[in-house]
PDB file of N, CA and C in Angstrom:
ATOM      1  N   MET A   1    -117.218  31.526 133.847  1.00  0.00           N
ATOM      2  CA  MET A   1    -117.852  30.389 134.845  1.00  0.00           C
ATOM      3  C   MET A   1    -119.293  30.876 134.692  1.00  0.00           C
ATOM      4  N   LEU A   2    -119.962  32.546 135.221  1.00  0.00           N
ATOM      5  CA  LEU A   2    -121.505  32.473 134.746  1.00  0.00           C
ATOM      6  C   LEU A   2    -121.964  31.740 134.043  1.00  0.00           C
ATOM      7  N   LEU A   3    -120.790  31.865 132.122  1.00  0.00           N
ATOM      8  CA  LEU A   3    -122.201  31.215 130.964  1.00  0.00           C
ATOM      9  C   LEU A   3    -122.143  30.082 131.607  1.00  0.00           C
ATOM     10  N   ILE A   4    -121.355  28.883 132.292  1.00  0.00           N
ATOM     11  CA  ILE A   4    -121.068  28.024 132.430  1.00  0.00           C
ATOM     12  C   ILE A   4    -122.797  27.412 133.611  1.00  0.00           C
ATOM     13  N   TYR A   5    -122.517  28.298 134.438  1.00  0.00           N
ATOM     14  CA  TYR A   5    -124.025  27.998 134.975  1.00  0.00           C
ATOM     15  C   TYR A   5    -124.836  28.483 135.136  1.00  0.00           C
ATOM     16  N   GLY A   6    -125.302  29.767 134.317  1.00  0.00           N
ATOM     17  CA  GLY A   6    -127.253  29.908 133.229  1.00  0.00           C
ATOM     18  C   GLY A   6    -126.662  28.405 132.579  1.00  0.00           C
ATOM     19  N   GLU A   7    -126.051  28.658 131.757  1.00  0.00           N
ATOM     20  CA  GLU A   7    -126.114  26.899 131.169  1.00  0.00           C
ATOM     21  C   GLU A   7    -127.208  25.475 131.997  1.00  0.00           C
ATOM     22  N   ALA A   8    -126.276  25.834 132.588  1.00  0.00           N
ATOM     23  CA  ALA A   8    -127.037  24.846 133.461  1.00  0.00           C
ATOM     24  C   ALA A   8    -127.601  24.675 134.460  1.00  0.00           C
ATOM     25  N   GLY A   9    -128.790  25.497 133.991  1.00  0.00           N
ATOM     26  CA  GLY A   9    -129.610  26.130 134.949  1.00  0.00           C
ATOM     27  C   GLY A   9    -129.486  26.319 136.416  1.00  0.00           C
ATOM     28  N   LYS A  10    -128.591  27.168 136.822  1.00  0.00           N
ATOM     29  CA  LYS A  10    -127.713  27.583 138.114  1.00  0.00           C
ATOM     30  C   LYS A  10    -127.912  25.549 138.923  1.00  0.00           C
ATOM     31  N   SER A  11    -127.675  25.017 138.405  1.00  0.00           N
ATOM     32  CA  SER A  11    -127.025  24.021 139.022  1.00  0.00           C
ATOM     33  C   SER A  11    -125.827  23.420 139.424  1.00  0.00           C
ATOM     34  N   ASN A  12    -125.192  23.963 140.521  1.00  0.00           N
ATOM     35  CA  ASN A  12    -124.226  23.466 140.825  1.00  0.00           C
ATOM     36  C   ASN A  12    -123.614  22.601 140.902  1.00  0.00           C
ATOM     37  N   MET A  13    -123.925  21.386 140.888  1.00  0.00           N
ATOM     38  CA  MET A  13    -123.215  20.330 139.954  1.00  0.00           C
ATOM     39  C   MET A  13    -123.329  20.113 138.628  1.00  0.00           C
ATOM     40  N   LEU A  14    -124.058  20.243 138.075  1.00  0.00           N
ATOM     41  CA  LEU A  14    -124.099  20.881 136.663  1.00  0.00           C
ATOM     42  C   LEU A  14    -123.106  20.830 135.816  1.00  0.00           C
ATOM     43  N   ALA A  15    -123.317  22.319 136.738  1.00  0.00           N
ATOM     44  CA  ALA A  15    -122.173  23.492 135.951  1.00  0.00           C
ATOM     45  C   ALA A  15    -120.492  23.152 136.113  1.00  0.00           C
ATOM     46  N   ALA A  16    -120.506  22.381 137.534  1.00  0.00           N
ATOM     47  CA  ALA A  16    -119.322  22.302 138.199  1.00  0.00           C
ATOM     48  C   ALA A  16    -118.860  20.879 136.484  1.00  0.00           C
ATOM     49  N   ALA A  17    -119.653  19.992 137.165  1.00  0.00           N
ATOM     50  CA  ALA A  17    -119.743  18.965 135.715  1.00  0.00           C
ATOM     51  C   ALA A  17    -119.737  19.394 133.659  1.00  0.00           C
ATOM     52  N   LEU A  18    -120.796  20.540 134.229  1.00  0.00           N
ATOM     53  CA  LEU A  18    -119.888  20.796 132.245  1.00  0.00           C
ATOM     54  C   LEU A  18    -118.200  21.551 131.864  1.00  0.00           C
ATOM     55  N   TYR A  19    -118.038  22.289 133.567  1.00  0.00           N
ATOM     56  CA  TYR A  19    -117.070  22.409 133.819  1.00  0.00           C
ATOM     57  C   TYR A  19    -115.474  21.942 133.568  1.00  0.00           C
ATOM     58  N   GLN A  20    -115.990  21.099 134.286  1.00  0.00           N
ATOM     59  CA  GLN A  20    -115.012  19.956 133.766  1.00  0.00           C
ATOM     60  C   GLN A  20    -114.838  19.529 132.315  1.00  0.00           C
ATOM     61  N   GLN A  21    -115.524  18.927 131.759  1.00  0.00           N
ATOM     62  CA  GLN A  21    -115.807  18.315 130.546  1.00  0.00           C
ATOM     63  C   GLN A  21    -115.340  19.632 129.274  1.00  0.00           C
ATOM     64  N   ARG A  22    -115.594  21.153 129.749  1.00  0.00           N
ATOM     65  CA  ARG A  22    -114.811  21.972 127.957  1.00  0.00           C
ATOM     66  C   ARG A  22    -113.599  22.259 128.771  1.00  0.00           C
ATOM     67  N   PHE A  23    -113.294  22.462 129.986  1.00  0.00           N
ATOM     68  CA  PHE A  23    -111.664  22.821 130.344  1.00  0.00           C
ATOM     69  C   PHE A  23    -110.610  21.737 131.197  1.00  0.00           C
ATOM     70  N   PRO A  24    -110.915  20.131 130.623  1.00  0.00           N
ATOM     71  CA  PRO A  24    -110.189  19.499 130.858  1.00  0.00           C
ATOM     72  C   PRO A  24    -108.857  19.562 132.118  1.00  0.00           C
ATOM     73  N   HIS A  25    -108.064  20.476 130.616  1.00  0.00           N
ATOM     74  CA  HIS A  25    -107.084  20.183 131.629  1.00  0.00           C
ATOM     75  C   HIS A  25    -106.789  21.469 133.212  1.00  0.00           C
ATOM     76  N   ARG A  26    -107.749  22.264 132.960  1.00  0.00           N
ATOM     77  CA  ARG A  26    -107.561  23.251 133.897  1.00  0.00           C
ATOM     78  C   ARG A  26    -108.766  22.438 135.707  1.00  0.00           C
ATOM     79  N   LYS A  27    -108.575  23.583 136.715  1.00  0.00           N
ATOM     80  CA  LYS A  27    -107.889  22.475 137.840  1.00  0.00           C
ATOM     81  C   LYS A  27    -109.764  23.292 138.152  1.00  0.00           C
ATOM     82  N   SER A  28    -110.433  21.760 139.153  1.00  0.00           N
ATOM     83  CA  SER A  28    -111.832  22.608 138.737  1.00  0.00           C
ATOM     84  C   SER A  28    -112.601  23.119 139.506  1.00  0.00           C
ATOM     85  N   PRO A  29    -113.424  24.196 140.014  1.00  0.00           N
ATOM     86  CA  PRO A  29    -113.643  24.517 140.523  1.00  0.00           C
ATOM     87  C   PRO A  29    -115.121  23.967 141.269  1.00  0.00           C
ATOM     88  N   ALA A  30    -114.885  24.144 143.243  1.00  0.00           N
ATOM     89  CA  ALA A  30    -116.267  23.304 143.666  1.00  0.00           C
ATOM     90  C   ALA A  30    -117.476  24.079 143.475  1.00  0.00           C
ATOM     91  N   PRO A  31    -118.080  23.056 143.240  1.00  0.00           N
ATOM     92  CA  PRO A  31    -119.781  23.334 142.665  1.00  0.00           C
ATOM     93  C   PRO A  31    -120.020  24.380 143.906  1.00  0.00           C
ATOM     94  N   LYS A  32    -120.137  24.581 144.945  1.00  0.00           N
ATOM     95  CA  LYS A  32    -120.524  25.913 145.462  1.00  0.00           C
ATOM     96  C   LYS A  32    -120.168  26.817 145.388  1.00  0.00           C
ATOM     97  N   THR A  33    -118.795  27.124 144.667  1.00  0.00           N
ATOM     98  CA  THR A  33    -118.186  28.594 143.551  1.00  0.00           C
ATOM     99  C   THR A  33    -118.889  29.041 142.267  1.00  0.00           C
ATOM    100  N   PHE A  34    -120.352  28.443 141.911  1.00  0.00           N
ATOM    101  CA  PHE A  34    -120.719  28.867 140.782  1.00  0.00           C
ATOM    102  C   PHE A  34    -121.348  30.332 141.304  1.00  0.00           C
ATOM    103  N   GLN A  35    -121.915  29.685 142.290  1.00  0.00           N
ATOM    104  CA  GLN A  35    -123.594  30.239 142.807  1.00  0.00           C
ATOM    105  C   GLN A  35    -122.731  31.527 143.928  1.00  0.00           C
ATOM    106  N   TYR A  36    -121.503  31.360 144.739  1.00  0.00           N
ATOM    107  CA  TYR A  36    -121.089  31.790 144.973  1.00  0.00           C
ATOM    108  C   TYR A  36    -120.387  32.896 144.477  1.00  0.00           C
ATOM    109  N   VAL A  37    -119.685  33.231 142.878  1.00  0.00           N
ATOM    110  CA  VAL A  37    -118.947  33.993 142.343  1.00  0.00           C
ATOM    111  C   VAL A  37    -120.634  34.673 141.224  1.00  0.00           C
ATOM    112  N   GLU A  38    -121.761  34.628 140.732  1.00  0.00           N
ATOM    113  CA  GLU A  38    -123.073  34.097 140.429  1.00  0.00           C
ATOM    114  C   GLU A  38    -123.714  36.198 141.574  1.00  0.00           C
ATOM    115  N   ASN A  39    -123.463  35.279 143.222  1.00  0.00           N
ATOM    116  CA  ASN A  39    -124.102  36.463 144.439  1.00  0.00           C
ATOM    117  C   ASN A  39    -122.919  37.310 144.700  1.00  0.00           C
ATOM    118  N   CYS A  40    -121.521  36.827 144.813  1.00  0.00           N
ATOM    119  CA  CYS A  40    -120.834  38.452 144.616  1.00  0.00           C
ATOM    120  C   CYS A  40    -121.146  38.977 143.328  1.00  0.00           C
ATOM    121  N   MET A  41    -121.088  38.591 142.297  1.00  0.00           N
ATOM    122  CA  MET A  41    -121.192  39.509 140.965  1.00  0.00           C
ATOM    123  C   MET A  41    -122.506  40.098 141.218  1.00  0.00           C
ATOM    124  N   ARG A  42    -123.561  39.855 141.438  1.00  0.00           N
ATOM    125  CA  ARG A  42    -125.526  40.725 141.250  1.00  0.00           C
ATOM    126  C   ARG A  42    -125.134  41.527 142.963  1.00  0.00           C
ATOM    127  N   ARG A  43    -124.523  40.975 144.227  1.00  0.00           N
ATOM    128  CA  ARG A  43    -123.929  41.950 145.503  1.00  0.00           C
ATOM    129  C   ARG A  43    -123.688  43.191 145.193  1.00  0.00           C
ATOM    130  N   THR A  44    -122.063  42.958 143.719  1.00  0.00           N
ATOM    131  CA  THR A  44    -121.345  44.252 144.531  1.00  0.00           C
ATOM    132  C   THR A  44    -120.887  44.544 142.549  1.00  0.00           C
ATOM    133  N   GLY A  45    -121.273  43.947 141.929  1.00  0.00           N
ATOM    134  CA  GLY A  45    -121.078  44.525 140.463  1.00  0.00           C
ATOM    135  C   GLY A  45    -119.973  43.901 139.762  1.00  0.00           C
ATOM    136  N   ARG A  46    -119.248  43.384 140.964  1.00  0.00           N
ATOM    137  CA  ARG A  46    -118.283  42.874 140.488  1.00  0.00           C
ATOM    138  C   ARG A  46    -118.048  41.370 140.285  1.00  0.00           C
ATOM    139  N   LEU A  47    -117.097  40.975 140.076  1.00  0.00           N
ATOM    140  CA  LEU A  47    -115.976  39.176 140.082  1.00  0.00           C
ATOM    141  C   LEU A  47    -115.108  39.069 141.430  1.00  0.00           C
ATOM    142  N   PRO A  48    -115.624  37.745 142.187  1.00  0.00           N
ATOM    143  CA  PRO A  48    -114.258  37.543 142.991  1.00  0.00           C
ATOM    144  C   PRO A  48    -112.767  37.526 142.894  1.00  0.00           C
ATOM    145  N   ASN A  49    -112.387  37.797 143.449  1.00  0.00           N
ATOM    146  CA  ASN A  49    -111.001  37.327 143.485  1.00  0.00           C
ATOM    147  C   ASN A  49    -110.924  35.736 143.437  1.00  0.00           C
ATOM    148  N   GLY A  50    -109.992  35.597 143.645  1.00  0.00           N
ATOM    149  CA  GLY A  50    -109.752  34.013 143.991  1.00  0.00           C
ATOM    150  C   GLY A  50    -109.493  33.664 145.537  1.00  0.00           C
ATOM    151  N   ASP A  51    -109.084  34.771 146.202  1.00  0.00           N
ATOM    152  CA  ASP A  51    -108.688  35.129 147.403  1.00  0.00           C
ATOM    153  C   ASP A  51    -109.726  35.018 148.217  1.00  0.00           C
ATOM    154  N   GLN A  52    -110.550  35.913 148.032  1.00  0.00           N
ATOM    155  CA  GLN A  52    -112.127  35.623 148.589  1.00  0.00           C
ATOM    156  C   GLN A  52    -112.802  34.320 148.376  1.00  0.00           C
ATOM    157  N   ILE A  53    -112.530  34.201 146.653  1.00  0.00           N
ATOM    158  CA  ILE A  53    -113.868  32.820 146.731  1.00  0.00           C
ATOM    159  C   ILE A  53    -113.107  31.261 147.552  1.00  0.00           C
ATOM    160  N   ALA A  54    -111.672  31.848 148.223  1.00  0.00           N
ATOM    161  CA  ALA A  54    -110.747  30.643 149.058  1.00  0.00           C
ATOM    162  C   ALA A  54    -111.205  30.058 150.001  1.00  0.00           C
ATOM    163  N   ALA A  55    -111.670  32.134 150.165  1.00  0.00           N
ATOM    164  CA  ALA A  55    -111.617  32.130 152.062  1.00  0.00           C
ATOM    165  C   ALA A  55    -113.303  31.679 152.391  1.00  0.00           C
ATOM    166  N   VAL A  56    -114.788  31.742 151.171  1.00  0.00           N
ATOM    167  CA  VAL A  56    -115.572  31.473 151.229  1.00  0.00           C
ATOM    168  C   VAL A  56    -115.807  30.418 151.606  1.00  0.00           C
ATOM    169  N   LEU A  57    -114.457  29.722 150.376  1.00  0.00           N
ATOM    170  CA  LEU A  57    -115.055  27.791 150.549  1.00  0.00           C
ATOM    171  C   LEU A  57    -114.474  27.368 151.666  1.00  0.00           C
ATOM    172  N   ILE A  58    -113.574  28.060 152.446  1.00  0.00           N
ATOM    173  CA  ILE A  58    -112.717  27.625 153.322  1.00  0.00           C
ATOM    174  C   ILE A  58    -113.583  27.481 155.103  1.00  0.00           C
ATOM    175  N   ALA A  59    -114.213  28.715 154.722  1.00  0.00           N
ATOM    176  CA  ALA A  59    -115.072  28.555 155.643  1.00  0.00           C
ATOM    177  C   ALA A  59    -116.809  28.010 155.640  1.00  0.00           C
ATOM    178  N   ILE A  60    -117.272  27.928 154.223  1.00  0.00           N
ATOM    179  CA  ILE A  60    -117.920  26.469 154.030  1.00  0.00           C
ATOM    180  C   ILE A  60    -117.545  25.276 154.953  1.00  0.00           C
ATOM    181  N   ASN A  61    -116.449  24.433 154.728  1.00  0.00           N
ATOM    182  CA  ASN A  61    -115.989  24.039 155.133  1.00  0.00           C
ATOM    183  C   ASN A  61    -115.575  23.713 156.111  1.00  0.00           C
ATOM    184  N   THR A  62    -115.323  24.977 157.236  1.00  0.00           N
ATOM    185  CA  THR A  62    -114.923  24.693 158.490  1.00  0.00           C
ATOM    186  C   THR A  62    -116.894  24.603 159.135  1.00  0.00           C
ATOM    187  N   GLN A  63    -117.268  25.511 158.342  1.00  0.00           N
ATOM    188  CA  GLN A  63    -119.107  25.456 159.132  1.00  0.00           C
ATOM    189  C   GLN A  63    -119.186  23.793 158.664  1.00  0.00           C
ATOM    190  N   LYS A  64    -119.306  23.375 157.701  1.00  0.00           N
ATOM    191  CA  LYS A  64    -119.158  21.683 158.538  1.00  0.00           C
ATOM    192  C   LYS A  64    -118.259  20.424 158.645  1.00  0.00           C
ATOM    193  N   LYS A  65    -117.972  21.015 158.625  1.00  0.00           N
ATOM    194  CA  LYS A  65    -116.847  20.341 159.848  1.00  0.00           C
ATOM    195  C   LYS A  65    -117.874  20.355 161.484  1.00  0.00           C
ATOM    196  N   SER A  66    -117.878  21.855 161.705  1.00  0.00           N
ATOM    197  CA  SER A  66    -118.644  22.451 162.801  1.00  0.00           C
ATOM    198  C   SER A  66    -120.153  21.376 162.988  1.00  0.00           C
ATOM    199  N   ASP A  67    -119.944  20.937 162.315  1.00  0.00           N
ATOM    200  CA  ASP A  67    -122.540  21.038 162.384  1.00  0.00           C
ATOM    201  C   ASP A  67    -121.893  19.126 162.445  1.00  0.00           C
ATOM    202  N   LEU A  68    -120.659  19.429 161.833  1.00  0.00           N
ATOM    203  CA  LEU A  68    -120.450  17.404 162.016  1.00  0.00           C
ATOM    204  C   LEU A  68    -119.926  16.648 162.906  1.00  0.00           C
ATOM    205  N   ASN A  69    -119.117  17.809 163.693  1.00  0.00           N
ATOM    206  CA  ASN A  69    -118.492  17.307 164.860  1.00  0.00           C
ATOM    207  C   ASN A  69    -119.528  17.330 166.475  1.00  0.00           C
ATOM    208  N   ASP A  70    -120.802  18.639 165.806  1.00  0.00           N
ATOM    209  CA  ASP A  70    -122.271  19.390 167.083  1.00  0.00           C
ATOM    210  C   ASP A  70    -122.797  18.055 167.088  1.00  0.00           C
ATOM    211  N   LYS A  71    -123.022  17.047 165.901  1.00  0.00           N
ATOM    212  CA  LYS A  71    -124.009  16.275 165.423  1.00  0.00           C
ATOM    213  C   LYS A  71    -123.320  14.534 166.112  1.00  0.00           C
ATOM    214  N   ASN A  72    -122.043  14.929 166.031  1.00  0.00           N
ATOM    215  CA  ASN A  72    -121.411  13.834 165.892  1.00  0.00           C
ATOM    216  C   ASN A  72    -121.394  13.541 168.342  1.00  0.00           C
ATOM    217  N   LEU A  73    -121.392  14.870 168.300  1.00  0.00           N
ATOM    218  CA  LEU A  73    -121.196  14.555 170.410  1.00  0.00           C
ATOM    219  C   LEU A  73    -122.198  14.376 170.804  1.00  0.00           C
ATOM    220  N   ARG A  74    -123.700  15.255 170.119  1.00  0.00           N
ATOM    221  CA  ARG A  74    -125.719  14.931 169.864  1.00  0.00           C
ATOM    222  C   ARG A  74    -125.681  13.608 170.851  1.00  0.00           C
ATOM    223  N   LYS A  75    -125.243  12.421 169.292  1.00  0.00           N
ATOM    224  CA  LYS A  75    -125.182  11.071 169.285  1.00  0.00           C
ATOM    225  C   LYS A  75    -123.850  10.593 170.390  1.00  0.00           C
ATOM    226  N   SER A  76    -123.186  10.578 170.872  1.00  0.00           N
ATOM    227  CA  SER A  76    -122.326   9.713 171.140  1.00  0.00           C
ATOM    228  C   SER A  76    -123.023  10.207 172.984  1.00  0.00           C
ATOM    229  N   LYS A  77    -123.654  11.842 173.649  1.00  0.00           N
ATOM    230  CA  LYS A  77    -124.206  12.448 174.290  1.00  0.00           C
ATOM    231  C   LYS A  77    -125.331  10.959 174.370  1.00  0.00           C
ATOM    232  N   LYS A  78    -126.322  11.209 173.949  1.00  0.00           N
ATOM    233  CA  LYS A  78    -126.894  10.262 173.481  1.00  0.00           C
ATOM    234  C   LYS A  78    -127.096   8.725 174.543  1.00  0.00           C
ATOM    235  N   SER A  79    -126.293   8.574 173.469  1.00  0.00           N
ATOM    236  CA  SER A  79    -126.106   7.377 173.691  1.00  0.00           C
ATOM    237  C   SER A  79    -125.457   6.663 175.317  1.00  0.00           C
ATOM    238  N   ASP A  80    -124.818   8.091 175.788  1.00  0.00           N
ATOM    239  CA  ASP A  80    -124.280   8.266 177.248  1.00  0.00           C
ATOM    240  C   ASP A  80    -125.128   7.769 178.197  1.00  0.00           C
ATOM    241  N   LEU A  81    -126.287   8.872 178.071  1.00  0.00           N
ATOM    242  CA  LEU A  81    -127.956   8.152 178.908  1.00  0.00           C
ATOM    243  C   LEU A  81    -128.104   7.056 178.583  1.00  0.00           C
ATOM    244  N   LYS A  82    -127.984   6.160 177.719  1.00  0.00           N
ATOM    245  CA  LYS A  82    -128.883   5.090 177.433  1.00  0.00           C
ATOM    246  C   LYS A  82    -128.153   4.039 178.687  1.00  0.00           C
TER     247      LYS A  82
END
């Protein structure tokens, strides 16, 4: 994964596309996984295990949903004030 990420110029989206192209029968990782793996390797000197990657991706998705809900709530309050 790290080699593909480097080859893709550290572009998450390009790395995910290259990975899918080279390994069509494997499950493709989410684009943010490439950046997470690199950051973990730099920080700890070790590659993360699958559970760590899954936990980070769940946290990212949860935060995105929370941000979206907050945004929708603010829109709703603005329209109520009109």
